[in-house]
Amino acid sequence: MTTYCYPYRRGTGWRSQAFRSNPGGHNPAGGHTGYDQAMPAGTPIYAPCDGIIRNSGWLSDNYLANDWWLTAMGGDTLVIDGMDANGRTETMPTFIIAHLSDSTAPVGKRVRKGELIGISGNSGTATTGPHAHIEALPPNWDFNNGVYGRVNPELYFSEWPEDLAITAQAAAVKPAPKPAPAPVKDDDMPTYKRVPAIIRKPGATRLAKDKTWYLKDKTGKRNLNLSPVAGLYDVDLFLQGTGLGEGQVITVQFIVVTVGGRRSGYYTQQVHGTKSGEFRGSARFSAPIPKGAFLEVAVTASATGPDLTTYGADIKLWQ
């Protein structure tokens, strides 16, 4: 039987906000999406289970650009997918620990239960004091449960990290460093940096049938302006709006434009309409962009009428 441990040592801090408490404000209608454990900044944070680190660092406010509906409110945030004895994650819970001062375990690292993976802090745009915000997503989570699929993390925890014979990442805990919005980690994995997220509310841009509209960056240019730095880019784009009926689609295509003006199309993807007309979808680009080139995003609707009210992109550059 798989067991899980608290992500901090026995006797650390106190419970400052319970799961499903205080609906409204920063919390959804169902209340607080996890529980808060107040603790001094610099407190060691441990892996609650054997698993794989899926996020280590700050997220943008493009909540549709990640699998967990997380934003910069959580600051430096660790996401760990539980892993069973056969290396599978699909039947295991996912744990989220936010407001860290340093997420020391890199993305892709396999960790063991009780291993040191981070240092607590007070980072993010929705915190009133040093604490760890802890969430749990069960397998096949139900987004419509009032708390974005979350369940009470304490339903899982039954052990303490100090009772496990695990070698931590470091014997000594360093003082909490100053958090940064886009940390770059040195580890044995390929490193990336986040290009500042592009978020723009165009004021209900009306899309016309079969007429191509190009996503614009904050400067008003019709590209994401990924230039002149060369490298492998991962772009998670989200679109949302109204007026896209059932059976209608918005087609998204990423286009790399080189210095000489050559245009290469990639990854044509579609966002589908609904009975209510509300749409919300994402598209992904993952490819190298040469020095001096830039990325265009072409948006085309199958019918006149959809209003694109919000779009944005979370962009990672691998070098």
C-alpha atoms as a PDB file:
ATOM      1  CA  MET A   1       0.000   0.000   0.000  1.00  0.00           C
ATOM      2  CA  THR A   2       1.355   3.408  -0.983  1.00  0.00           C
ATOM      3  CA  THR A   3       1.756   5.870   1.873  1.00  0.00           C
ATOM      4  CA  TYR A   4       2.497   9.605   1.879  1.00  0.00           C
ATOM      5  CA  CYS A   5       4.306  11.945   4.244  1.00  0.00           C
ATOM      6  CA  TYR A   6       3.726  15.543   5.256  1.00  0.00           C
ATOM      7  CA  PRO A   7       5.984  17.868   3.244  1.00  0.00           C
ATOM      8  CA  TYR A   8       7.427  19.400   6.426  1.00  0.00           C
ATOM      9  CA  ARG A   9       8.723  18.060   9.743  1.00  0.00           C
ATOM     10  CA  ARG A  10       6.527  17.230  12.709  1.00  0.00           C
ATOM     11  CA  GLY A  11       5.700  20.288  14.807  1.00  0.00           C
ATOM     12  CA  THR A  12       6.436  22.810  12.037  1.00  0.00           C
ATOM     13  CA  GLY A  13       4.307  25.969  12.236  1.00  0.00           C
ATOM     14  CA  TRP A  14       0.537  26.006  12.501  1.00  0.00           C
ATOM     15  CA  ARG A  15      -2.542  25.694  10.302  1.00  0.00           C
ATOM     16  CA  SER A  16      -3.393  29.206   9.109  1.00  0.00           C
ATOM     17  CA  GLN A  17      -6.130  28.358   6.573  1.00  0.00           C
ATOM     18  CA  ALA A  18      -8.052  25.110   6.159  1.00  0.00           C
ATOM     19  CA  PHE A  19      -9.097  23.317   3.000  1.00  0.00           C
ATOM     20  CA  ARG A  20     -12.401  24.660   1.573  1.00  0.00           C
ATOM     21  CA  SER A  21     -12.444  27.604   3.986  1.00  0.00           C
ATOM     22  CA  ASN A  22     -13.067  31.257   3.071  1.00  0.00           C
ATOM     23  CA  PRO A  23     -14.916  31.030  -0.271  1.00  0.00           C
ATOM     24  CA  GLY A  24     -14.623  34.106  -2.471  1.00  0.00           C
ATOM     25  CA  GLY A  25     -11.800  36.586  -2.985  1.00  0.00           C
ATOM     26  CA  HIS A  26      -8.739  34.689  -4.199  1.00  0.00           C
ATOM     27  CA  ASN A  27     -10.581  31.421  -3.505  1.00  0.00           C
ATOM     28  CA  PRO A  28     -13.250  29.855  -5.767  1.00  0.00           C
ATOM     29  CA  ALA A  29     -16.859  29.333  -4.694  1.00  0.00           C
ATOM     30  CA  GLY A  30     -15.964  26.031  -3.043  1.00  0.00           C
ATOM     31  CA  GLY A  31     -13.395  27.691  -0.789  1.00  0.00           C
ATOM     32  CA  HIS A  32      -9.653  27.376  -0.306  1.00  0.00           C
ATOM     33  CA  THR A  33      -8.113  24.915  -2.781  1.00  0.00           C
ATOM     34  CA  GLY A  34      -5.617  23.466  -0.299  1.00  0.00           C
ATOM     35  CA  TYR A  35      -4.476  24.142   3.226  1.00  0.00           C
ATOM     36  CA  ASP A  36      -1.935  26.690   4.463  1.00  0.00           C
ATOM     37  CA  GLN A  37       0.729  25.804   7.008  1.00  0.00           C
ATOM     38  CA  ALA A  38       2.308  28.963   8.401  1.00  0.00           C
ATOM     39  CA  MET A  39       6.055  28.522   8.905  1.00  0.00           C
ATOM     40  CA  PRO A  40       9.198  30.673   8.896  1.00  0.00           C
ATOM     41  CA  ALA A  41      10.729  31.377   5.495  1.00  0.00           C
ATOM     42  CA  GLY A  42      13.634  28.987   4.963  1.00  0.00           C
ATOM     43  CA  THR A  43      11.860  25.897   6.339  1.00  0.00           C
ATOM     44  CA  PRO A  44      12.800  22.670   4.482  1.00  0.00           C
ATOM     45  CA  ILE A  45      10.097  21.189   2.231  1.00  0.00           C
ATOM     46  CA  TYR A  46      10.132  17.446   1.494  1.00  0.00           C
ATOM     47  CA  ALA A  47       8.608  15.233  -1.204  1.00  0.00           C
ATOM     48  CA  PRO A  48       5.330  13.712   0.046  1.00  0.00           C
ATOM     49  CA  CYS A  49       5.820  10.641  -2.173  1.00  0.00           C
ATOM     50  CA  ASP A  50       8.017   8.990  -4.747  1.00  0.00           C
ATOM     51  CA  GLY A  51       7.407  10.923  -7.922  1.00  0.00           C
ATOM     52  CA  ILE A  52       8.498  13.180 -10.756  1.00  0.00           C
ATOM     53  CA  ILE A  53       8.843  16.963 -10.535  1.00  0.00           C
ATOM     54  CA  ARG A  54       6.582  18.533 -13.171  1.00  0.00           C
ATOM     55  CA  ASN A  55       6.991  22.218 -12.283  1.00  0.00           C
ATOM     56  CA  SER A  56       9.721  23.981 -10.366  1.00  0.00           C
ATOM     57  CA  GLY A  57       9.534  27.755 -10.357  1.00  0.00           C
ATOM     58  CA  TRP A  58       7.144  30.597 -11.054  1.00  0.00           C
ATOM     59  CA  LEU A  59       4.177  30.214 -13.392  1.00  0.00           C
ATOM     60  CA  SER A  60       2.644  32.951 -15.494  1.00  0.00           C
ATOM     61  CA  ASP A  61      -0.919  34.168 -14.990  1.00  0.00           C
ATOM     62  CA  ASN A  62      -1.924  32.163 -18.082  1.00  0.00           C
ATOM     63  CA  TYR A  63      -3.688  29.502 -16.043  1.00  0.00           C
ATOM     64  CA  LEU A  64      -4.687  27.624 -19.195  1.00  0.00           C
ATOM     65  CA  ALA A  65      -1.018  27.232 -20.140  1.00  0.00           C
ATOM     66  CA  ASN A  66      -0.397  24.539 -17.524  1.00  0.00           C
ATOM     67  CA  ASP A  67      -2.164  21.328 -16.577  1.00  0.00           C
ATOM     68  CA  TRP A  68      -3.079  22.363 -13.011  1.00  0.00           C
ATOM     69  CA  TRP A  69      -4.791  25.765 -13.453  1.00  0.00           C
ATOM     70  CA  LEU A  70      -2.067  27.538 -11.471  1.00  0.00           C
ATOM     71  CA  THR A  71      -0.966  31.169 -11.739  1.00  0.00           C
ATOM     72  CA  ALA A  72       1.654  33.551 -10.381  1.00  0.00           C
ATOM     73  CA  MET A  73      -0.457  33.869  -7.212  1.00  0.00           C
ATOM     74  CA  GLY A  74       1.460  30.835  -5.909  1.00  0.00           C
ATOM     75  CA  GLY A  75       4.903  32.272  -6.598  1.00  0.00           C
ATOM     76  CA  ASP A  76       7.684  29.688  -6.742  1.00  0.00           C
ATOM     77  CA  THR A  77       5.650  26.488  -7.009  1.00  0.00           C
ATOM     78  CA  LEU A  78       6.537  22.785  -6.994  1.00  0.00           C
ATOM     79  CA  VAL A  79       4.301  20.222  -8.692  1.00  0.00           C
ATOM     80  CA  ILE A  80       5.065  16.544  -8.126  1.00  0.00           C
ATOM     81  CA  ASP A  81       3.272  13.645  -9.804  1.00  0.00           C
ATOM     82  CA  GLY A  82       3.155  10.590  -7.565  1.00  0.00           C
ATOM     83  CA  MET A  83       4.733   7.452  -9.037  1.00  0.00           C
ATOM     84  CA  ASP A  84       3.943   3.827  -8.186  1.00  0.00           C
ATOM     85  CA  ALA A  85       6.412   0.947  -7.901  1.00  0.00           C
ATOM     86  CA  ASN A  86       6.173   0.355 -11.660  1.00  0.00           C
ATOM     87  CA  GLY A  87       6.970   3.971 -12.544  1.00  0.00           C
ATOM     88  CA  ARG A  88       3.395   4.895 -13.482  1.00  0.00           C
ATOM     89  CA  THR A  89       1.874   8.248 -12.578  1.00  0.00           C
ATOM     90  CA  GLU A  90      -1.617   8.090 -14.096  1.00  0.00           C
ATOM     91  CA  THR A  91      -3.143   6.289 -11.088  1.00  0.00           C
ATOM     92  CA  MET A  92      -1.371   8.397  -8.462  1.00  0.00           C
ATOM     93  CA  PRO A  93      -2.149  11.801  -6.913  1.00  0.00           C
ATOM     94  CA  THR A  94      -0.430  15.063  -7.803  1.00  0.00           C
ATOM     95  CA  PHE A  95       0.789  17.372  -5.017  1.00  0.00           C
ATOM     96  CA  ILE A  96       1.299  21.137  -5.320  1.00  0.00           C
ATOM     97  CA  ILE A  97       3.362  23.203  -2.860  1.00  0.00           C
ATOM     98  CA  ALA A  98       3.357  26.974  -3.381  1.00  0.00           C
ATOM     99  CA  HIS A  99       4.867  30.238  -2.071  1.00  0.00           C
ATOM    100  CA  LEU A 100       8.387  28.779  -1.845  1.00  0.00           C
ATOM    101  CA  SER A 101      11.534  30.872  -1.697  1.00  0.00           C
ATOM    102  CA  ASP A 102      13.418  28.218  -3.673  1.00  0.00           C
ATOM    103  CA  SER A 103      12.195  25.093  -5.439  1.00  0.00           C
ATOM    104  CA  THR A 104      15.466  23.177  -5.363  1.00  0.00           C
ATOM    105  CA  ALA A 105      14.353  20.055  -7.275  1.00  0.00           C
ATOM    106  CA  PRO A 106      14.474  20.624 -11.062  1.00  0.00           C
ATOM    107  CA  VAL A 107      11.760  19.725 -13.563  1.00  0.00           C
ATOM    108  CA  GLY A 108      12.028  16.089 -14.619  1.00  0.00           C
ATOM    109  CA  LYS A 109      13.865  14.937 -11.504  1.00  0.00           C
ATOM    110  CA  ARG A 110      12.700  11.682  -9.939  1.00  0.00           C
ATOM    111  CA  VAL A 111      12.493  12.125  -6.193  1.00  0.00           C
ATOM    112  CA  ARG A 112      11.911   9.789  -3.280  1.00  0.00           C
ATOM    113  CA  LYS A 113       9.420  10.269  -0.483  1.00  0.00           C
ATOM    114  CA  GLY A 114      10.998  12.424   2.219  1.00  0.00           C
ATOM    115  CA  GLU A 115      13.663  13.933  -0.053  1.00  0.00           C
ATOM    116  CA  LEU A 116      14.392  17.640   0.338  1.00  0.00           C
ATOM    117  CA  ILE A 117      12.844  19.386  -2.682  1.00  0.00           C
ATOM    118  CA  GLY A 118      12.445  23.037  -1.696  1.00  0.00           C
ATOM    119  CA  ILE A 119      12.629  25.849   0.831  1.00  0.00           C
ATOM    120  CA  SER A 120       9.531  27.623   2.127  1.00  0.00           C
ATOM    121  CA  GLY A 121       9.011  31.341   1.677  1.00  0.00           C
ATOM    122  CA  ASN A 122       6.441  34.021   0.953  1.00  0.00           C
ATOM    123  CA  SER A 123       6.537  34.368  -2.835  1.00  0.00           C
ATOM    124  CA  GLY A 124       3.597  35.020  -5.134  1.00  0.00           C
ATOM    125  CA  THR A 125       0.899  37.612  -5.617  1.00  0.00           C
ATOM    126  CA  ALA A 126      -1.631  36.152  -3.139  1.00  0.00           C
ATOM    127  CA  THR A 127       0.059  35.736   0.223  1.00  0.00           C
ATOM    128  CA  THR A 128      -0.054  37.694   3.464  1.00  0.00           C
ATOM    129  CA  GLY A 129       2.841  36.044   5.283  1.00  0.00           C
ATOM    130  CA  PRO A 130       5.365  33.170   5.135  1.00  0.00           C
ATOM    131  CA  HIS A 131       3.642  29.808   4.713  1.00  0.00           C
ATOM    132  CA  ALA A 132       3.384  26.726   2.513  1.00  0.00           C
ATOM    133  CA  HIS A 133       0.191  26.300   0.487  1.00  0.00           C
ATOM    134  CA  ILE A 134      -0.390  22.583  -0.108  1.00  0.00           C
ATOM    135  CA  GLU A 135      -2.827  21.034  -2.611  1.00  0.00           C
ATOM    136  CA  ALA A 136      -3.670  17.536  -3.816  1.00  0.00           C
ATOM    137  CA  LEU A 137      -5.214  16.445  -7.111  1.00  0.00           C
ATOM    138  CA  PRO A 138      -6.471  12.839  -7.175  1.00  0.00           C
ATOM    139  CA  PRO A 139      -6.307  10.683 -10.316  1.00  0.00           C
ATOM    140  CA  ASN A 140      -9.065  11.621 -12.800  1.00  0.00           C
ATOM    141  CA  TRP A 141      -9.839  14.761 -10.830  1.00  0.00           C
ATOM    142  CA  ASP A 142     -13.184  16.493 -11.276  1.00  0.00           C
ATOM    143  CA  PHE A 143     -12.681  20.131 -12.226  1.00  0.00           C
ATOM    144  CA  ASN A 144     -16.300  20.927 -11.322  1.00  0.00           C
ATOM    145  CA  ASN A 145     -16.085  19.962  -7.638  1.00  0.00           C
ATOM    146  CA  GLY A 146     -15.995  23.629  -6.563  1.00  0.00           C
ATOM    147  CA  VAL A 147     -12.251  23.740  -5.842  1.00  0.00           C
ATOM    148  CA  TYR A 148     -10.857  23.018  -9.322  1.00  0.00           C
ATOM    149  CA  GLY A 149     -10.590  19.278  -8.698  1.00  0.00           C
ATOM    150  CA  ARG A 150      -8.619  19.541  -5.464  1.00  0.00           C
ATOM    151  CA  VAL A 151      -9.173  17.318  -2.435  1.00  0.00           C
ATOM    152  CA  ASN A 152      -7.978  17.714   1.146  1.00  0.00           C
ATOM    153  CA  PRO A 153      -4.247  16.843   1.092  1.00  0.00           C
ATOM    154  CA  GLU A 154      -4.429  15.512   4.648  1.00  0.00           C
ATOM    155  CA  LEU A 155      -6.513  12.600   3.392  1.00  0.00           C
ATOM    156  CA  TYR A 156      -3.203  11.267   2.045  1.00  0.00           C
ATOM    157  CA  PHE A 157      -0.625  12.165   4.708  1.00  0.00           C
ATOM    158  CA  SER A 158       0.182   9.604   7.409  1.00  0.00           C
ATOM    159  CA  GLU A 159       3.977   9.852   7.912  1.00  0.00           C
ATOM    160  CA  TRP A 160       6.651  12.428   8.681  1.00  0.00           C
ATOM    161  CA  PRO A 161       9.820  13.028   6.644  1.00  0.00           C
ATOM    162  CA  GLU A 162      12.151  12.754   9.656  1.00  0.00           C
ATOM    163  CA  ASP A 163      10.958   9.186  10.241  1.00  0.00           C
ATOM    164  CA  LEU A 164      12.077   8.080   6.760  1.00  0.00           C
ATOM    165  CA  ALA A 165      15.598   6.874   5.958  1.00  0.00           C
ATOM    166  CA  ILE A 166      16.089   9.253   3.045  1.00  0.00           C
ATOM    167  CA  THR A 167      19.196  11.213   2.088  1.00  0.00           C
ATOM    168  CA  ALA A 168      18.180  14.808   1.480  1.00  0.00           C
ATOM    169  CA  GLN A 169      19.649  16.998  -1.258  1.00  0.00           C
ATOM    170  CA  ALA A 170      21.809  18.816   1.264  1.00  0.00           C
ATOM    171  CA  ALA A 171      22.540  18.348   4.937  1.00  0.00           C
ATOM    172  CA  ALA A 172      22.299  22.054   5.675  1.00  0.00           C
ATOM    173  CA  VAL A 173      19.533  24.409   4.668  1.00  0.00           C
ATOM    174  CA  LYS A 174      20.751  27.684   3.211  1.00  0.00           C
ATOM    175  CA  PRO A 175      19.088  30.981   4.176  1.00  0.00           C
ATOM    176  CA  ALA A 176      16.091  31.676   1.997  1.00  0.00           C
ATOM    177  CA  PRO A 177      17.238  33.492  -1.159  1.00  0.00           C
ATOM    178  CA  LYS A 178      15.287  36.371  -2.626  1.00  0.00           C
ATOM    179  CA  PRO A 179      12.681  34.908  -5.030  1.00  0.00           C
ATOM    180  CA  ALA A 180      12.829  35.820  -8.704  1.00  0.00           C
ATOM    181  CA  PRO A 181       9.967  35.686 -11.214  1.00  0.00           C
ATOM    182  CA  ALA A 182      11.942  33.627 -13.716  1.00  0.00           C
ATOM    183  CA  PRO A 183      14.601  31.524 -11.967  1.00  0.00           C
ATOM    184  CA  VAL A 184      17.150  29.639 -14.039  1.00  0.00           C
ATOM    185  CA  LYS A 185      18.324  26.451 -12.380  1.00  0.00           C
ATOM    186  CA  ASP A 186      21.713  24.781 -12.793  1.00  0.00           C
ATOM    187  CA  ASP A 187      21.274  21.031 -12.834  1.00  0.00           C
ATOM    188  CA  ASP A 188      21.896  18.007 -14.997  1.00  0.00           C
ATOM    189  CA  MET A 189      18.738  18.646 -17.034  1.00  0.00           C
ATOM    190  CA  PRO A 190      18.613  20.972 -20.056  1.00  0.00           C
ATOM    191  CA  THR A 191      18.035  24.485 -18.723  1.00  0.00           C
ATOM    192  CA  TYR A 192      15.383  26.912 -19.872  1.00  0.00           C
ATOM    193  CA  LYS A 193      14.312  30.418 -19.102  1.00  0.00           C
ATOM    194  CA  ARG A 194      10.843  31.844 -19.346  1.00  0.00           C
ATOM    195  CA  VAL A 195      10.340  34.602 -21.848  1.00  0.00           C
ATOM    196  CA  PRO A 196       8.035  37.186 -20.219  1.00  0.00           C
ATOM    197  CA  ALA A 197       4.467  36.051 -20.769  1.00  0.00           C
ATOM    198  CA  ILE A 198       2.465  37.955 -23.339  1.00  0.00           C
ATOM    199  CA  ILE A 199      -1.045  38.684 -22.099  1.00  0.00           C
ATOM    200  CA  ARG A 200      -3.314  41.067 -23.921  1.00  0.00           C
ATOM    201  CA  LYS A 201      -7.039  41.718 -23.694  1.00  0.00           C
ATOM    202  CA  PRO A 202      -7.891  42.958 -27.176  1.00  0.00           C
ATOM    203  CA  GLY A 203     -11.360  44.167 -26.247  1.00  0.00           C
ATOM    204  CA  ALA A 204     -13.444  41.535 -28.004  1.00  0.00           C
ATOM    205  CA  THR A 205     -11.695  41.243 -31.350  1.00  0.00           C
ATOM    206  CA  ARG A 206     -14.403  40.097 -33.797  1.00  0.00           C
ATOM    207  CA  LEU A 207     -13.179  37.302 -36.060  1.00  0.00           C
ATOM    208  CA  ALA A 208     -14.523  37.106 -39.618  1.00  0.00           C
ATOM    209  CA  LYS A 209     -15.075  33.884 -41.532  1.00  0.00           C
ATOM    210  CA  ASP A 210     -11.942  32.574 -43.259  1.00  0.00           C
ATOM    211  CA  LYS A 211     -10.099  35.858 -42.638  1.00  0.00           C
ATOM    212  CA  THR A 212      -6.742  35.382 -40.926  1.00  0.00           C
ATOM    213  CA  TRP A 213      -6.056  37.482 -37.834  1.00  0.00           C
ATOM    214  CA  TYR A 214      -2.561  37.579 -36.376  1.00  0.00           C
ATOM    215  CA  LEU A 215      -2.026  37.515 -32.647  1.00  0.00           C
ATOM    216  CA  LYS A 216      -0.262  40.679 -31.533  1.00  0.00           C
ATOM    217  CA  ASP A 217       2.230  41.255 -28.751  1.00  0.00           C
ATOM    218  CA  LYS A 218       2.148  44.080 -26.219  1.00  0.00           C
ATOM    219  CA  THR A 219       3.891  46.434 -28.647  1.00  0.00           C
ATOM    220  CA  GLY A 220       1.130  45.946 -31.235  1.00  0.00           C
ATOM    221  CA  LYS A 221       3.323  43.929 -33.583  1.00  0.00           C
ATOM    222  CA  ARG A 222       1.739  40.895 -35.179  1.00  0.00           C
ATOM    223  CA  ASN A 223       4.151  38.376 -33.746  1.00  0.00           C
ATOM    224  CA  LEU A 224       5.420  37.044 -30.441  1.00  0.00           C
ATOM    225  CA  ASN A 225       8.712  38.828 -31.103  1.00  0.00           C
ATOM    226  CA  LEU A 226      10.870  35.796 -30.226  1.00  0.00           C
ATOM    227  CA  SER A 227      14.026  37.308 -31.617  1.00  0.00           C
ATOM    228  CA  PRO A 228      16.969  37.601 -31.926  1.00  0.00           C
ATOM    229  CA  VAL A 229      17.787  34.856 -29.401  1.00  0.00           C
ATOM    230  CA  ALA A 230      18.082  31.455 -31.061  1.00  0.00           C
ATOM    231  CA  GLY A 231      17.014  28.263 -29.327  1.00  0.00           C
ATOM    232  CA  LEU A 232      14.283  25.706 -28.835  1.00  0.00           C
ATOM    233  CA  TYR A 233      11.020  27.375 -27.875  1.00  0.00           C
ATOM    234  CA  ASP A 234       8.021  25.844 -26.105  1.00  0.00           C
ATOM    235  CA  VAL A 235       4.972  28.096 -26.429  1.00  0.00           C
ATOM    236  CA  ASP A 236       1.660  27.344 -24.702  1.00  0.00           C
ATOM    237  CA  LEU A 237      -0.973  29.663 -26.145  1.00  0.00           C
ATOM    238  CA  PHE A 238      -4.500  30.041 -24.799  1.00  0.00           C
ATOM    239  CA  LEU A 239      -7.539  31.677 -26.368  1.00  0.00           C
ATOM    240  CA  GLN A 240     -10.902  32.420 -24.834  1.00  0.00           C
ATOM    241  CA  GLY A 241     -14.023  34.282 -25.814  1.00  0.00           C
ATOM    242  CA  THR A 242     -17.669  34.039 -26.880  1.00  0.00           C
ATOM    243  CA  GLY A 243     -19.775  33.547 -29.995  1.00  0.00           C
ATOM    244  CA  LEU A 244     -18.226  30.305 -31.275  1.00  0.00           C
ATOM    245  CA  GLY A 245     -21.172  27.976 -31.762  1.00  0.00           C
ATOM    246  CA  GLU A 246     -21.311  24.212 -31.670  1.00  0.00           C
ATOM    247  CA  GLY A 247     -19.677  22.746 -34.768  1.00  0.00           C
ATOM    248  CA  GLN A 248     -17.649  25.904 -35.418  1.00  0.00           C
ATOM    249  CA  VAL A 249     -13.893  26.049 -34.957  1.00  0.00           C
ATOM    250  CA  ILE A 250     -11.043  28.501 -34.624  1.00  0.00           C
ATOM    251  CA  THR A 251      -7.869  27.292 -36.331  1.00  0.00           C
ATOM    252  CA  VAL A 252      -4.482  28.299 -34.902  1.00  0.00           C
ATOM    253  CA  GLN A 253      -1.252  28.001 -36.874  1.00  0.00           C
ATOM    254  CA  PHE A 254       2.263  28.881 -35.733  1.00  0.00           C
ATOM    255  CA  ILE A 255       4.541  30.330 -38.445  1.00  0.00           C
ATOM    256  CA  VAL A 256       8.307  30.864 -38.191  1.00  0.00           C
ATOM    257  CA  VAL A 257       9.494  33.798 -40.331  1.00  0.00           C
ATOM    258  CA  THR A 258      13.240  33.823 -41.013  1.00  0.00           C
ATOM    259  CA  VAL A 259      15.495  36.830 -41.625  1.00  0.00           C
ATOM    260  CA  GLY A 260      15.114  36.345 -45.381  1.00  0.00           C
ATOM    261  CA  GLY A 261      11.321  36.336 -45.123  1.00  0.00           C
ATOM    262  CA  ARG A 262      10.806  32.612 -45.597  1.00  0.00           C
ATOM    263  CA  ARG A 263       7.683  31.392 -43.794  1.00  0.00           C
ATOM    264  CA  SER A 264       7.426  27.867 -42.400  1.00  0.00           C
ATOM    265  CA  GLY A 265       4.119  26.712 -40.925  1.00  0.00           C
ATOM    266  CA  TYR A 266       3.910  24.456 -37.887  1.00  0.00           C
ATOM    267  CA  TYR A 267       1.304  22.815 -35.727  1.00  0.00           C
ATOM    268  CA  THR A 268      -2.152  23.661 -37.052  1.00  0.00           C
ATOM    269  CA  GLN A 269      -4.555  23.162 -34.141  1.00  0.00           C
ATOM    270  CA  GLN A 270      -8.222  23.906 -33.486  1.00  0.00           C
ATOM    271  CA  VAL A 271     -10.372  25.340 -30.698  1.00  0.00           C
ATOM    272  CA  HIS A 272     -13.973  24.048 -30.849  1.00  0.00           C
ATOM    273  CA  GLY A 273     -17.197  25.923 -30.148  1.00  0.00           C
ATOM    274  CA  THR A 274     -19.933  25.002 -27.655  1.00  0.00           C
ATOM    275  CA  LYS A 275     -23.719  25.241 -27.338  1.00  0.00           C
ATOM    276  CA  SER A 276     -23.379  28.338 -25.158  1.00  0.00           C
ATOM    277  CA  GLY A 277     -20.926  29.917 -27.588  1.00  0.00           C
ATOM    278  CA  GLU A 278     -18.252  30.272 -24.929  1.00  0.00           C
ATOM    279  CA  PHE A 279     -14.884  28.874 -25.948  1.00  0.00           C
ATOM    280  CA  ARG A 280     -11.643  28.310 -24.128  1.00  0.00           C
ATOM    281  CA  GLY A 281      -8.786  26.357 -25.604  1.00  0.00           C
ATOM    282  CA  SER A 282      -5.061  26.110 -26.077  1.00  0.00           C
ATOM    283  CA  ALA A 283      -2.464  25.399 -28.748  1.00  0.00           C
ATOM    284  CA  ARG A 284       1.168  24.415 -28.433  1.00  0.00           C
ATOM    285  CA  PHE A 285       4.346  25.121 -30.401  1.00  0.00           C
ATOM    286  CA  SER A 286       7.635  23.299 -29.794  1.00  0.00           C
ATOM    287  CA  ALA A 287      10.452  23.809 -32.310  1.00  0.00           C
ATOM    288  CA  PRO A 288      13.767  25.629 -32.767  1.00  0.00           C
ATOM    289  CA  ILE A 289      13.762  29.246 -33.913  1.00  0.00           C
ATOM    290  CA  PRO A 290      16.964  30.499 -35.598  1.00  0.00           C
ATOM    291  CA  LYS A 291      18.672  33.758 -34.711  1.00  0.00           C
ATOM    292  CA  GLY A 292      16.870  36.797 -36.070  1.00  0.00           C
ATOM    293  CA  ALA A 293      13.676  34.900 -36.905  1.00  0.00           C
ATOM    294  CA  PHE A 294      10.342  35.467 -35.190  1.00  0.00           C
ATOM    295  CA  LEU A 295       7.136  33.568 -34.560  1.00  0.00           C
ATOM    296  CA  GLU A 296       3.732  34.538 -35.945  1.00  0.00           C
ATOM    297  CA  VAL A 297       0.439  33.063 -34.758  1.00  0.00           C
ATOM    298  CA  ALA A 298      -2.366  33.037 -37.342  1.00  0.00           C
ATOM    299  CA  VAL A 299      -5.965  32.694 -36.119  1.00  0.00           C
ATOM    300  CA  THR A 300      -8.819  31.850 -38.514  1.00  0.00           C
ATOM    301  CA  ALA A 301     -12.514  31.238 -37.720  1.00  0.00           C
ATOM    302  CA  SER A 302     -14.863  28.960 -39.665  1.00  0.00           C
ATOM    303  CA  ALA A 303     -17.723  31.451 -39.303  1.00  0.00           C
ATOM    304  CA  THR A 304     -18.157  35.176 -38.703  1.00  0.00           C
ATOM    305  CA  GLY A 305     -19.002  36.160 -35.167  1.00  0.00           C
ATOM    306  CA  PRO A 306     -16.563  34.766 -32.562  1.00  0.00           C
ATOM    307  CA  ASP A 307     -15.267  37.446 -30.201  1.00  0.00           C
ATOM    308  CA  LEU A 308     -11.747  36.753 -28.968  1.00  0.00           C
ATOM    309  CA  THR A 309     -11.720  38.439 -25.563  1.00  0.00           C
ATOM    310  CA  THR A 310      -8.505  37.165 -23.999  1.00  0.00           C
ATOM    311  CA  TYR A 311      -5.344  35.504 -25.170  1.00  0.00           C
ATOM    312  CA  GLY A 312      -1.870  34.930 -23.824  1.00  0.00           C
ATOM    313  CA  ALA A 313       1.206  32.760 -24.066  1.00  0.00           C
ATOM    314  CA  ASP A 314       3.590  31.050 -21.670  1.00  0.00           C
ATOM    315  CA  ILE A 315       6.968  30.837 -23.416  1.00  0.00           C
ATOM    316  CA  LYS A 316      10.033  28.771 -22.470  1.00  0.00           C
ATOM    317  CA  LEU A 317      13.394  29.102 -24.211  1.00  0.00           C
ATOM    318  CA  TRP A 318      15.695  26.065 -24.003  1.00  0.00           C
ATOM    319  CA  GLN A 319      19.381  26.633 -24.626  1.00  0.00           C
END
